[in-house]
Amino acid sequence: MKLTLKLLQNEFDSYQNPNSEKEKDIVKAAEKIFAEFGYAGATTAELANHAGVTERTLFKYFPSKNDLYRRVLSGLLLSTIVPGHMSDLKERLQSLKPNFKEWYVSILKARYEAVANEPQKLKLLLGALLFSKEFADIFGNLWKLNLYDTSVEAIQYFQEMGEIRKDLDPNQIVRASFSLAASFLITKFVLAPKFPIDPEKEIETIFSIFYQGINNQK
């Protein structure tokens, strides 16, 4: 069955209202296992064991691993990403702080704090984007509508204010900005979670590296 936003929205109803505590436990356990091992690496035996049930019981609630994965993705997208990360980030993007630095740094700090509260959700998202082209397309469309276009408008505003060079394409500035932020979060929470990174200093350095290439000072 092709994964669509409508299908995930239907699954989300079940995610919010599980038929029993056991079903809820299975889904919560699956979120951790899929985040840790990805779809391919998560076996039904491990999923059942982590949920404290037998594989037979697991299949009673979810006929296949794919059914369980869809339920998990519905929660990730519609319980965490869209209402949490995307809504908050869109609001911050539209806030247009007094200057570019305060605006940029406040956004990056907020993203760091949000991911720090639920680091496994970032792993789950990355795994889903790599595993499922359909999910990647759904996420990409929501990202462009809610975040990318809003970011371009914000950059254009700061260009008009004279804080950013007007000879640079705002689309390229936005892509570079997202790439830096994503790399920082992935490094901290996925690639090297135990590496001693001071987030305050890291964010200030990221801003300096980024801004010195786009500021309007000669």
N, C-alpha and C. Protein backbone atom coordinates (compact mmCIF):
# COMPACT_ATOMS: atom_id res chain seq x y z
N MET A 1 0.84 -1.19 0.00
CA MET A 1 0.00 0.00 0.00
C MET A 1 0.88 1.25 0.00
N LYS A 2 0.60 2.17 -0.94
CA LYS A 2 1.40 3.37 -1.05
C LYS A 2 1.19 4.28 0.16
N LEU A 3 2.30 4.78 0.67
CA LEU A 3 2.24 5.67 1.84
C LEU A 3 1.85 7.07 1.38
N THR A 4 0.80 7.60 1.95
CA THR A 4 0.34 8.96 1.63
C THR A 4 0.09 9.72 2.92
N LEU A 5 -0.03 11.03 2.80
CA LEU A 5 -0.33 11.85 3.97
C LEU A 5 -1.69 11.47 4.54
N LYS A 6 -2.65 11.20 3.66
CA LYS A 6 -3.98 10.81 4.13
C LYS A 6 -3.93 9.51 4.91
N LEU A 7 -3.14 8.56 4.44
CA LEU A 7 -3.00 7.29 5.15
C LEU A 7 -2.38 7.50 6.52
N LEU A 8 -1.36 8.35 6.58
CA LEU A 8 -0.73 8.64 7.86
C LEU A 8 -1.69 9.36 8.80
N GLN A 9 -2.52 10.22 8.26
CA GLN A 9 -3.52 10.90 9.09
C GLN A 9 -4.53 9.92 9.65
N ASN A 10 -4.92 8.92 8.85
CA ASN A 10 -5.82 7.88 9.35
C ASN A 10 -5.14 7.04 10.42
N GLU A 11 -3.87 6.73 10.20
CA GLU A 11 -3.10 5.96 11.18
C GLU A 11 -2.93 6.75 12.47
N PHE A 12 -2.85 8.05 12.34
CA PHE A 12 -2.63 8.89 13.51
C PHE A 12 -3.80 8.83 14.48
N ASP A 13 -4.99 8.65 13.96
CA ASP A 13 -6.15 8.49 14.84
C ASP A 13 -5.96 7.29 15.75
N SER A 14 -5.44 6.21 15.18
CA SER A 14 -5.17 5.01 15.98
C SER A 14 -3.98 5.22 16.90
N TYR A 15 -3.01 6.01 16.45
CA TYR A 15 -1.85 6.30 17.29
C TYR A 15 -2.28 7.05 18.54
N GLN A 16 -3.19 7.99 18.37
CA GLN A 16 -3.68 8.77 19.51
C GLN A 16 -4.63 7.99 20.40
N ASN A 17 -5.34 7.04 19.79
CA ASN A 17 -6.36 6.30 20.54
C ASN A 17 -6.17 4.79 20.37
N PRO A 18 -5.11 4.23 20.95
CA PRO A 18 -4.87 2.78 20.83
C PRO A 18 -6.01 1.99 21.46
N ASN A 19 -6.23 0.78 20.95
CA ASN A 19 -7.31 -0.06 21.45
C ASN A 19 -7.07 -0.58 22.86
N SER A 20 -5.81 -0.63 23.26
CA SER A 20 -5.49 -1.14 24.59
C SER A 20 -4.12 -0.62 25.02
N GLU A 21 -3.81 -0.81 26.29
CA GLU A 21 -2.50 -0.42 26.80
C GLU A 21 -1.41 -1.25 26.15
N LYS A 22 -1.73 -2.49 25.82
CA LYS A 22 -0.74 -3.37 25.19
C LYS A 22 -0.38 -2.84 23.81
N GLU A 23 -1.39 -2.41 23.06
CA GLU A 23 -1.11 -1.84 21.74
C GLU A 23 -0.26 -0.58 21.87
N LYS A 24 -0.57 0.23 22.86
CA LYS A 24 0.20 1.45 23.11
C LYS A 24 1.65 1.12 23.44
N ASP A 25 1.85 0.07 24.25
CA ASP A 25 3.20 -0.35 24.63
C ASP A 25 3.99 -0.84 23.42
N ILE A 26 3.32 -1.54 22.53
CA ILE A 26 3.98 -2.04 21.33
C ILE A 26 4.47 -0.89 20.47
N VAL A 27 3.63 0.11 20.29
CA VAL A 27 3.99 1.26 19.46
C VAL A 27 5.15 2.04 20.09
N LYS A 28 5.09 2.27 21.38
CA LYS A 28 6.15 3.01 22.06
C LYS A 28 7.48 2.25 21.98
N ALA A 29 7.41 0.94 22.13
CA ALA A 29 8.62 0.13 22.02
C ALA A 29 9.16 0.18 20.60
N ALA A 30 8.26 0.15 19.64
CA ALA A 30 8.66 0.18 18.23
C ALA A 30 9.34 1.49 17.88
N GLU A 31 8.91 2.59 18.47
CA GLU A 31 9.55 3.88 18.21
C GLU A 31 11.04 3.82 18.58
N LYS A 32 11.33 3.19 19.69
CA LYS A 32 12.72 3.08 20.14
C LYS A 32 13.53 2.14 19.27
N ILE A 33 12.95 1.00 18.92
CA ILE A 33 13.68 0.00 18.14
C ILE A 33 13.91 0.47 16.71
N PHE A 34 12.89 1.06 16.09
CA PHE A 34 13.07 1.57 14.73
C PHE A 34 14.07 2.72 14.71
N ALA A 35 14.09 3.54 15.74
CA ALA A 35 15.06 4.64 15.81
C ALA A 35 16.48 4.10 15.93
N GLU A 36 16.63 3.03 16.69
CA GLU A 36 17.95 2.46 16.95
C GLU A 36 18.48 1.64 15.78
N PHE A 37 17.61 0.84 15.17
CA PHE A 37 18.07 -0.11 14.15
C PHE A 37 17.54 0.18 12.75
N GLY A 38 16.62 1.12 12.61
CA GLY A 38 16.03 1.37 11.31
C GLY A 38 15.00 0.30 10.98
N TYR A 39 14.30 0.49 9.88
CA TYR A 39 13.26 -0.47 9.51
C TYR A 39 13.86 -1.84 9.20
N ALA A 40 14.90 -1.86 8.39
CA ALA A 40 15.48 -3.14 7.96
C ALA A 40 16.10 -3.90 9.13
N GLY A 41 16.72 -3.18 10.06
CA GLY A 41 17.41 -3.85 11.16
C GLY A 41 16.52 -4.26 12.32
N ALA A 42 15.30 -3.75 12.36
CA ALA A 42 14.38 -4.09 13.45
C ALA A 42 13.63 -5.37 13.13
N THR A 43 13.87 -6.42 13.89
CA THR A 43 13.17 -7.68 13.67
C THR A 43 11.88 -7.71 14.50
N THR A 44 10.93 -8.50 14.06
CA THR A 44 9.68 -8.62 14.82
C THR A 44 9.94 -9.25 16.18
N ALA A 45 10.94 -10.11 16.24
CA ALA A 45 11.28 -10.74 17.53
C ALA A 45 11.76 -9.68 18.52
N GLU A 46 12.62 -8.77 18.04
CA GLU A 46 13.14 -7.70 18.90
C GLU A 46 12.04 -6.72 19.26
N LEU A 47 11.19 -6.42 18.31
CA LEU A 47 10.07 -5.51 18.58
C LEU A 47 9.14 -6.08 19.65
N ALA A 48 8.84 -7.36 19.52
CA ALA A 48 7.96 -8.02 20.50
C ALA A 48 8.62 -8.09 21.86
N ASN A 49 9.90 -8.45 21.88
CA ASN A 49 10.62 -8.59 23.13
C ASN A 49 10.70 -7.27 23.88
N HIS A 50 10.96 -6.20 23.14
CA HIS A 50 11.08 -4.89 23.77
C HIS A 50 9.73 -4.41 24.31
N ALA A 51 8.65 -4.86 23.68
CA ALA A 51 7.31 -4.47 24.13
C ALA A 51 6.79 -5.39 25.22
N GLY A 52 7.52 -6.48 25.50
CA GLY A 52 7.09 -7.41 26.54
C GLY A 52 5.94 -8.31 26.12
N VAL A 53 5.88 -8.62 24.81
CA VAL A 53 4.82 -9.49 24.30
C VAL A 53 5.44 -10.56 23.42
N THR A 54 4.65 -11.54 23.03
CA THR A 54 5.12 -12.56 22.09
C THR A 54 4.94 -12.04 20.67
N GLU A 55 5.64 -12.67 19.72
CA GLU A 55 5.46 -12.28 18.33
C GLU A 55 4.01 -12.53 17.89
N ARG A 56 3.41 -13.57 18.43
CA ARG A 56 2.02 -13.87 18.08
C ARG A 56 1.10 -12.72 18.50
N THR A 57 1.35 -12.19 19.68
CA THR A 57 0.56 -11.05 20.15
C THR A 57 0.84 -9.82 19.31
N LEU A 58 2.10 -9.63 18.94
CA LEU A 58 2.48 -8.49 18.10
C LEU A 58 1.69 -8.52 16.78
N PHE A 59 1.63 -9.71 16.17
CA PHE A 59 0.94 -9.83 14.88
C PHE A 59 -0.58 -9.75 15.03
N LYS A 60 -1.06 -9.96 16.23
CA LYS A 60 -2.49 -9.81 16.48
C LYS A 60 -2.89 -8.34 16.32
N TYR A 61 -2.00 -7.46 16.78
CA TYR A 61 -2.28 -6.02 16.70
C TYR A 61 -1.82 -5.43 15.37
N PHE A 62 -0.70 -5.94 14.88
CA PHE A 62 -0.13 -5.43 13.63
C PHE A 62 0.25 -6.61 12.74
N PRO A 63 -0.52 -6.89 11.70
CA PRO A 63 -0.29 -8.05 10.85
C PRO A 63 1.11 -8.15 10.24
N SER A 64 1.77 -7.01 10.09
CA SER A 64 3.12 -7.02 9.52
C SER A 64 3.96 -5.92 10.16
N LYS A 65 5.28 -6.04 9.98
CA LYS A 65 6.18 -5.00 10.49
C LYS A 65 5.89 -3.67 9.82
N ASN A 66 5.50 -3.72 8.56
CA ASN A 66 5.20 -2.50 7.81
C ASN A 66 4.00 -1.77 8.41
N ASP A 67 2.99 -2.53 8.87
CA ASP A 67 1.82 -1.91 9.50
C ASP A 67 2.22 -1.16 10.77
N LEU A 68 3.11 -1.77 11.53
CA LEU A 68 3.58 -1.14 12.76
C LEU A 68 4.44 0.09 12.44
N TYR A 69 5.24 -0.01 11.40
CA TYR A 69 6.09 1.11 11.01
C TYR A 69 5.25 2.31 10.58
N ARG A 70 4.18 2.06 9.84
CA ARG A 70 3.29 3.15 9.42
C ARG A 70 2.69 3.85 10.63
N ARG A 71 2.32 3.07 11.63
CA ARG A 71 1.73 3.66 12.83
C ARG A 71 2.77 4.55 13.53
N VAL A 72 4.00 4.09 13.61
CA VAL A 72 5.07 4.86 14.23
C VAL A 72 5.34 6.14 13.45
N LEU A 73 5.38 6.04 12.13
CA LEU A 73 5.64 7.22 11.30
C LEU A 73 4.52 8.25 11.41
N SER A 74 3.29 7.78 11.58
CA SER A 74 2.18 8.72 11.73
C SER A 74 2.36 9.55 13.00
N GLY A 75 2.79 8.89 14.06
CA GLY A 75 3.03 9.61 15.31
C GLY A 75 4.20 10.57 15.19
N LEU A 76 5.27 10.12 14.54
CA LEU A 76 6.45 10.96 14.36
C LEU A 76 6.10 12.23 13.59
N LEU A 77 5.37 12.07 12.50
CA LEU A 77 5.06 13.21 11.64
C LEU A 77 4.01 14.13 12.24
N LEU A 78 2.92 13.55 12.75
CA LEU A 78 1.76 14.35 13.13
C LEU A 78 1.66 14.65 14.62
N SER A 79 2.52 14.01 15.41
CA SER A 79 2.53 14.31 16.84
C SER A 79 3.76 15.11 17.25
N THR A 80 4.85 14.94 16.49
CA THR A 80 6.11 15.59 16.85
C THR A 80 6.56 16.64 15.85
N ILE A 81 6.68 16.24 14.59
CA ILE A 81 7.30 17.13 13.60
C ILE A 81 6.41 18.30 13.21
N VAL A 82 5.20 18.01 12.75
CA VAL A 82 4.34 19.09 12.24
C VAL A 82 3.86 20.03 13.35
N PRO A 83 3.22 19.51 14.41
CA PRO A 83 2.71 20.44 15.44
C PRO A 83 3.80 20.98 16.36
N GLY A 84 4.89 20.26 16.48
CA GLY A 84 5.95 20.68 17.38
C GLY A 84 7.03 21.45 16.66
N HIS A 85 7.92 20.71 15.98
CA HIS A 85 9.08 21.33 15.35
C HIS A 85 8.69 22.32 14.25
N MET A 86 7.83 21.91 13.33
CA MET A 86 7.51 22.78 12.20
C MET A 86 6.73 24.02 12.62
N SER A 87 5.74 23.84 13.47
CA SER A 87 4.94 24.99 13.90
C SER A 87 5.78 25.99 14.68
N ASP A 88 6.60 25.47 15.59
CA ASP A 88 7.45 26.34 16.39
C ASP A 88 8.47 27.06 15.52
N LEU A 89 9.09 26.31 14.62
CA LEU A 89 10.11 26.91 13.77
C LEU A 89 9.51 27.93 12.82
N LYS A 90 8.34 27.65 12.27
CA LYS A 90 7.69 28.61 11.37
C LYS A 90 7.40 29.91 12.11
N GLU A 91 6.94 29.79 13.35
CA GLU A 91 6.64 30.99 14.14
C GLU A 91 7.91 31.80 14.39
N ARG A 92 9.00 31.09 14.67
CA ARG A 92 10.27 31.78 14.91
C ARG A 92 10.81 32.41 13.63
N LEU A 93 10.62 31.74 12.52
CA LEU A 93 11.06 32.28 11.24
C LEU A 93 10.33 33.58 10.91
N GLN A 94 9.08 33.65 11.31
CA GLN A 94 8.26 34.82 11.01
C GLN A 94 8.43 35.95 12.02
N SER A 95 9.14 35.67 13.12
CA SER A 95 9.25 36.66 14.18
C SER A 95 10.14 37.84 13.79
N LEU A 96 11.15 37.58 12.94
CA LEU A 96 12.05 38.64 12.46
C LEU A 96 12.57 39.51 13.61
N LYS A 97 13.46 38.92 14.37
CA LYS A 97 14.06 39.61 15.52
C LYS A 97 14.71 40.93 15.08
N PRO A 98 15.12 41.77 16.03
CA PRO A 98 15.69 43.08 15.68
C PRO A 98 16.85 43.02 14.69
N ASN A 99 17.63 41.94 14.74
CA ASN A 99 18.73 41.83 13.79
C ASN A 99 18.92 40.37 13.38
N PHE A 100 19.70 40.18 12.33
CA PHE A 100 19.86 38.86 11.75
C PHE A 100 20.48 37.87 12.75
N LYS A 101 21.50 38.32 13.48
CA LYS A 101 22.17 37.40 14.41
C LYS A 101 21.21 36.90 15.47
N GLU A 102 20.47 37.79 16.11
CA GLU A 102 19.54 37.37 17.16
C GLU A 102 18.50 36.41 16.60
N TRP A 103 18.02 36.69 15.41
CA TRP A 103 17.03 35.84 14.75
C TRP A 103 17.59 34.46 14.48
N TYR A 104 18.76 34.40 13.87
CA TYR A 104 19.37 33.13 13.46
C TYR A 104 19.76 32.28 14.67
N VAL A 105 20.43 32.90 15.64
CA VAL A 105 20.90 32.17 16.81
C VAL A 105 19.73 31.65 17.65
N SER A 106 18.68 32.45 17.80
CA SER A 106 17.52 32.01 18.59
C SER A 106 16.85 30.78 17.96
N ILE A 107 16.81 30.76 16.65
CA ILE A 107 16.21 29.63 15.94
C ILE A 107 17.05 28.37 16.15
N LEU A 108 18.35 28.48 15.99
CA LEU A 108 19.23 27.32 16.13
C LEU A 108 19.23 26.80 17.57
N LYS A 109 19.20 27.70 18.54
CA LYS A 109 19.15 27.27 19.95
C LYS A 109 17.85 26.53 20.24
N ALA A 110 16.75 27.03 19.70
CA ALA A 110 15.45 26.38 19.92
C ALA A 110 15.41 24.99 19.30
N ARG A 111 16.02 24.84 18.13
CA ARG A 111 16.05 23.53 17.48
C ARG A 111 16.91 22.56 18.28
N TYR A 112 18.02 23.04 18.80
CA TYR A 112 18.89 22.20 19.62
C TYR A 112 18.14 21.70 20.85
N GLU A 113 17.46 22.60 21.54
CA GLU A 113 16.75 22.23 22.76
C GLU A 113 15.61 21.26 22.47
N ALA A 114 14.93 21.45 21.35
CA ALA A 114 13.82 20.56 21.01
C ALA A 114 14.31 19.16 20.72
N VAL A 115 15.40 19.04 19.96
CA VAL A 115 15.94 17.71 19.63
C VAL A 115 16.56 17.07 20.87
N ALA A 116 17.19 17.87 21.73
CA ALA A 116 17.81 17.34 22.94
C ALA A 116 16.78 16.66 23.84
N ASN A 117 15.54 17.13 23.80
CA ASN A 117 14.49 16.54 24.62
C ASN A 117 14.05 15.17 24.10
N GLU A 118 14.16 14.95 22.79
CA GLU A 118 13.75 13.67 22.20
C GLU A 118 14.72 13.28 21.08
N PRO A 119 15.97 12.97 21.42
CA PRO A 119 16.97 12.68 20.39
C PRO A 119 16.63 11.46 19.53
N GLN A 120 15.89 10.50 20.08
CA GLN A 120 15.57 9.32 19.29
C GLN A 120 14.65 9.65 18.12
N LYS A 121 13.88 10.74 18.26
CA LYS A 121 12.98 11.14 17.17
C LYS A 121 13.77 11.59 15.95
N LEU A 122 14.94 12.20 16.16
CA LEU A 122 15.78 12.60 15.04
C LEU A 122 16.30 11.36 14.31
N LYS A 123 16.73 10.35 15.06
CA LYS A 123 17.19 9.10 14.45
C LYS A 123 16.06 8.44 13.67
N LEU A 124 14.88 8.46 14.25
CA LEU A 124 13.72 7.86 13.60
C LEU A 124 13.41 8.59 12.29
N LEU A 125 13.48 9.91 12.32
CA LEU A 125 13.21 10.70 11.13
C LEU A 125 14.24 10.41 10.04
N LEU A 126 15.51 10.40 10.40
CA LEU A 126 16.56 10.15 9.41
C LEU A 126 16.40 8.77 8.78
N GLY A 127 16.09 7.79 9.62
CA GLY A 127 15.88 6.43 9.10
C GLY A 127 14.72 6.38 8.14
N ALA A 128 13.64 7.07 8.47
CA ALA A 128 12.45 7.07 7.62
C ALA A 128 12.72 7.77 6.29
N LEU A 129 13.45 8.86 6.33
CA LEU A 129 13.77 9.60 5.11
C LEU A 129 14.64 8.77 4.17
N LEU A 130 15.55 8.00 4.74
CA LEU A 130 16.43 7.16 3.93
C LEU A 130 15.74 5.90 3.44
N PHE A 131 14.84 5.36 4.24
CA PHE A 131 14.20 4.09 3.90
C PHE A 131 13.03 4.24 2.95
N SER A 132 12.22 5.26 3.15
CA SER A 132 10.98 5.41 2.40
C SER A 132 10.96 6.67 1.55
N LYS A 133 11.00 6.51 0.23
CA LYS A 133 10.91 7.66 -0.67
C LYS A 133 9.55 8.34 -0.52
N GLU A 134 8.52 7.54 -0.28
CA GLU A 134 7.18 8.12 -0.12
C GLU A 134 7.12 9.02 1.10
N PHE A 135 7.70 8.56 2.21
CA PHE A 135 7.72 9.39 3.42
C PHE A 135 8.57 10.63 3.18
N ALA A 136 9.70 10.46 2.49
CA ALA A 136 10.57 11.59 2.20
C ALA A 136 9.83 12.65 1.36
N ASP A 137 9.02 12.20 0.42
CA ASP A 137 8.25 13.14 -0.41
C ASP A 137 7.22 13.89 0.43
N ILE A 138 6.54 13.16 1.32
CA ILE A 138 5.54 13.78 2.20
C ILE A 138 6.21 14.82 3.10
N PHE A 139 7.30 14.42 3.72
CA PHE A 139 8.03 15.31 4.61
C PHE A 139 8.56 16.52 3.83
N GLY A 140 9.11 16.27 2.64
CA GLY A 140 9.67 17.34 1.83
C GLY A 140 8.64 18.38 1.44
N ASN A 141 7.45 17.92 1.09
CA ASN A 141 6.38 18.85 0.72
C ASN A 141 5.95 19.71 1.91
N LEU A 142 5.83 19.09 3.08
CA LEU A 142 5.46 19.83 4.28
C LEU A 142 6.57 20.81 4.68
N TRP A 143 7.81 20.34 4.54
CA TRP A 143 8.96 21.19 4.87
C TRP A 143 9.00 22.42 3.97
N LYS A 144 8.80 22.23 2.67
CA LYS A 144 8.84 23.36 1.75
C LYS A 144 7.71 24.34 2.03
N LEU A 145 6.52 23.82 2.26
CA LEU A 145 5.36 24.67 2.48
C LEU A 145 5.47 25.45 3.78
N ASN A 146 5.91 24.77 4.84
CA ASN A 146 5.91 25.39 6.17
C ASN A 146 7.20 26.14 6.50
N LEU A 147 8.33 25.66 5.98
CA LEU A 147 9.61 26.20 6.43
C LEU A 147 10.44 26.85 5.33
N TYR A 148 10.58 26.18 4.21
CA TYR A 148 11.48 26.69 3.18
C TYR A 148 11.00 28.04 2.63
N ASP A 149 9.76 28.09 2.20
CA ASP A 149 9.24 29.34 1.62
C ASP A 149 9.26 30.48 2.63
N THR A 150 8.93 30.15 3.89
CA THR A 150 8.95 31.16 4.95
C THR A 150 10.37 31.66 5.19
N SER A 151 11.34 30.76 5.12
CA SER A 151 12.75 31.13 5.32
C SER A 151 13.23 32.05 4.22
N VAL A 152 12.84 31.77 2.98
CA VAL A 152 13.24 32.62 1.86
C VAL A 152 12.70 34.03 2.06
N GLU A 153 11.45 34.14 2.50
CA GLU A 153 10.85 35.45 2.75
C GLU A 153 11.61 36.20 3.84
N ALA A 154 12.03 35.46 4.88
CA ALA A 154 12.77 36.10 5.97
C ALA A 154 14.13 36.60 5.49
N ILE A 155 14.81 35.80 4.69
CA ILE A 155 16.11 36.21 4.17
C ILE A 155 15.95 37.44 3.27
N GLN A 156 14.93 37.46 2.46
CA GLN A 156 14.67 38.63 1.60
C GLN A 156 14.45 39.89 2.45
N TYR A 157 13.78 39.71 3.58
CA TYR A 157 13.56 40.84 4.49
C TYR A 157 14.89 41.39 5.00
N PHE A 158 15.79 40.50 5.44
CA PHE A 158 17.08 40.95 5.96
C PHE A 158 17.97 41.51 4.85
N GLN A 159 17.77 41.05 3.62
CA GLN A 159 18.49 41.65 2.50
C GLN A 159 18.04 43.10 2.29
N GLU A 160 16.73 43.30 2.38
CA GLU A 160 16.20 44.65 2.22
C GLU A 160 16.63 45.56 3.36
N MET A 161 16.84 44.97 4.55
CA MET A 161 17.29 45.75 5.71
C MET A 161 18.78 46.08 5.62
N GLY A 162 19.46 45.47 4.65
CA GLY A 162 20.88 45.76 4.45
C GLY A 162 21.83 44.92 5.26
N GLU A 163 21.34 43.88 5.94
CA GLU A 163 22.20 43.04 6.78
C GLU A 163 22.82 41.89 6.00
N ILE A 164 22.25 41.57 4.85
CA ILE A 164 22.74 40.47 4.04
C ILE A 164 22.92 40.95 2.60
N ARG A 165 23.96 40.49 1.96
CA ARG A 165 24.25 40.89 0.58
C ARG A 165 23.08 40.56 -0.34
N LYS A 166 22.74 41.52 -1.18
CA LYS A 166 21.64 41.34 -2.12
C LYS A 166 22.05 40.59 -3.38
N ASP A 167 23.38 40.44 -3.59
CA ASP A 167 23.82 39.76 -4.80
C ASP A 167 23.74 38.24 -4.66
N LEU A 168 23.37 37.74 -3.47
CA LEU A 168 23.23 36.30 -3.25
C LEU A 168 21.77 35.90 -3.37
N ASP A 169 21.54 34.76 -3.99
CA ASP A 169 20.19 34.22 -4.13
C ASP A 169 19.68 33.79 -2.76
N PRO A 170 18.55 34.31 -2.29
CA PRO A 170 18.03 33.93 -0.97
C PRO A 170 17.77 32.43 -0.86
N ASN A 171 17.45 31.78 -1.95
CA ASN A 171 17.24 30.32 -1.92
C ASN A 171 18.53 29.60 -1.54
N GLN A 172 19.65 30.07 -2.08
CA GLN A 172 20.93 29.44 -1.77
C GLN A 172 21.33 29.69 -0.32
N ILE A 173 21.04 30.89 0.17
CA ILE A 173 21.33 31.20 1.58
C ILE A 173 20.52 30.29 2.49
N VAL A 174 19.25 30.10 2.18
CA VAL A 174 18.38 29.24 2.99
C VAL A 174 18.88 27.81 2.98
N ARG A 175 19.25 27.30 1.82
CA ARG A 175 19.73 25.92 1.75
C ARG A 175 21.01 25.74 2.56
N ALA A 176 21.91 26.72 2.47
CA ALA A 176 23.15 26.65 3.25
C ALA A 176 22.85 26.68 4.74
N SER A 177 21.90 27.51 5.13
CA SER A 177 21.52 27.63 6.54
C SER A 177 20.96 26.32 7.09
N PHE A 178 20.05 25.72 6.34
CA PHE A 178 19.47 24.45 6.77
C PHE A 178 20.53 23.34 6.81
N SER A 179 21.44 23.37 5.86
CA SER A 179 22.49 22.34 5.83
C SER A 179 23.38 22.43 7.07
N LEU A 180 23.76 23.64 7.44
CA LEU A 180 24.59 23.82 8.62
C LEU A 180 23.87 23.38 9.89
N ALA A 181 22.62 23.79 10.02
CA ALA A 181 21.85 23.44 11.22
C ALA A 181 21.65 21.93 11.32
N ALA A 182 21.30 21.31 10.20
CA ALA A 182 21.07 19.86 10.20
C ALA A 182 22.35 19.11 10.53
N SER A 183 23.48 19.56 9.95
CA SER A 183 24.76 18.91 10.22
C SER A 183 25.14 18.99 11.69
N PHE A 184 24.90 20.14 12.29
CA PHE A 184 25.19 20.33 13.72
C PHE A 184 24.38 19.36 14.57
N LEU A 185 23.08 19.27 14.31
CA LEU A 185 22.21 18.41 15.11
C LEU A 185 22.52 16.93 14.89
N ILE A 186 22.79 16.56 13.66
CA ILE A 186 23.11 15.16 13.36
C ILE A 186 24.43 14.76 14.01
N THR A 187 25.41 15.66 13.95
CA THR A 187 26.70 15.37 14.58
C THR A 187 26.54 15.20 16.09
N LYS A 188 25.80 16.11 16.71
CA LYS A 188 25.65 16.09 18.16
C LYS A 188 24.83 14.91 18.65
N PHE A 189 23.74 14.58 17.98
CA PHE A 189 22.81 13.59 18.52
C PHE A 189 22.85 12.23 17.85
N VAL A 190 23.53 12.13 16.69
CA VAL A 190 23.56 10.84 16.00
C VAL A 190 24.99 10.33 15.81
N LEU A 191 25.83 11.13 15.19
CA LEU A 191 27.18 10.67 14.86
C LEU A 191 28.12 10.63 16.06
N ALA A 192 28.06 11.66 16.89
CA ALA A 192 29.01 11.73 18.01
C ALA A 192 28.32 12.27 19.25
N PRO A 193 27.32 11.55 19.78
CA PRO A 193 26.56 12.05 20.93
C PRO A 193 27.39 12.23 22.20
N LYS A 194 28.52 11.50 22.30
CA LYS A 194 29.35 11.59 23.50
C LYS A 194 30.48 12.60 23.35
N PHE A 195 30.62 13.16 22.17
CA PHE A 195 31.68 14.13 21.95
C PHE A 195 31.37 15.40 22.74
N PRO A 196 32.35 15.94 23.46
CA PRO A 196 32.10 17.11 24.32
C PRO A 196 31.89 18.40 23.53
N ILE A 197 30.68 18.60 23.06
CA ILE A 197 30.35 19.82 22.32
C ILE A 197 29.58 20.77 23.23
N ASP A 198 30.08 21.99 23.34
CA ASP A 198 29.38 23.04 24.08
C ASP A 198 28.41 23.69 23.11
N PRO A 199 27.10 23.46 23.27
CA PRO A 199 26.14 23.96 22.28
C PRO A 199 26.14 25.48 22.12
N GLU A 200 26.35 26.21 23.22
CA GLU A 200 26.36 27.67 23.15
C GLU A 200 27.50 28.15 22.24
N LYS A 201 28.71 27.63 22.50
CA LYS A 201 29.87 28.03 21.70
C LYS A 201 29.74 27.53 20.26
N GLU A 202 29.21 26.33 20.12
CA GLU A 202 29.06 25.75 18.79
C GLU A 202 28.13 26.59 17.92
N ILE A 203 27.02 27.01 18.51
CA ILE A 203 26.05 27.81 17.76
C ILE A 203 26.63 29.18 17.40
N GLU A 204 27.37 29.78 18.33
CA GLU A 204 28.00 31.06 18.04
C GLU A 204 29.00 30.92 16.89
N THR A 205 29.76 29.83 16.90
CA THR A 205 30.75 29.59 15.85
C THR A 205 30.08 29.33 14.51
N ILE A 206 29.01 28.55 14.54
CA ILE A 206 28.27 28.28 13.31
C ILE A 206 27.75 29.58 12.71
N PHE A 207 27.24 30.46 13.57
CA PHE A 207 26.76 31.74 13.07
C PHE A 207 27.89 32.54 12.44
N SER A 208 29.04 32.59 13.11
CA SER A 208 30.17 33.36 12.60
C SER A 208 30.64 32.83 11.25
N ILE A 209 30.75 31.50 11.15
CA ILE A 209 31.17 30.89 9.88
C ILE A 209 30.18 31.21 8.78
N PHE A 210 28.92 31.12 9.11
CA PHE A 210 27.86 31.34 8.12
C PHE A 210 27.76 32.82 7.72
N TYR A 211 27.73 33.68 8.71
CA TYR A 211 27.44 35.10 8.46
C TYR A 211 28.58 35.84 7.78
N GLN A 212 29.80 35.49 8.08
CA GLN A 212 30.92 36.21 7.49
C GLN A 212 30.96 36.08 5.97
N GLY A 213 30.26 35.08 5.47
CA GLY A 213 30.23 34.91 4.02
C GLY A 213 29.05 35.62 3.36
N ILE A 214 28.10 36.12 4.17
CA ILE A 214 26.93 36.74 3.57
C ILE A 214 26.63 38.14 4.09
N ASN A 215 27.45 38.66 5.01
CA ASN A 215 27.13 39.99 5.52
C ASN A 215 27.42 41.07 4.49
N ASN A 216 26.96 42.25 4.75
CA ASN A 216 27.00 43.33 3.75
C ASN A 216 28.13 44.31 4.01
N GLN A 217 29.08 43.94 4.87
CA GLN A 217 30.18 44.83 5.19
C GLN A 217 31.36 44.54 4.28
N LYS A 218 32.01 45.56 3.83
CA LYS A 218 33.15 45.42 2.92
C LYS A 218 34.43 45.22 3.71
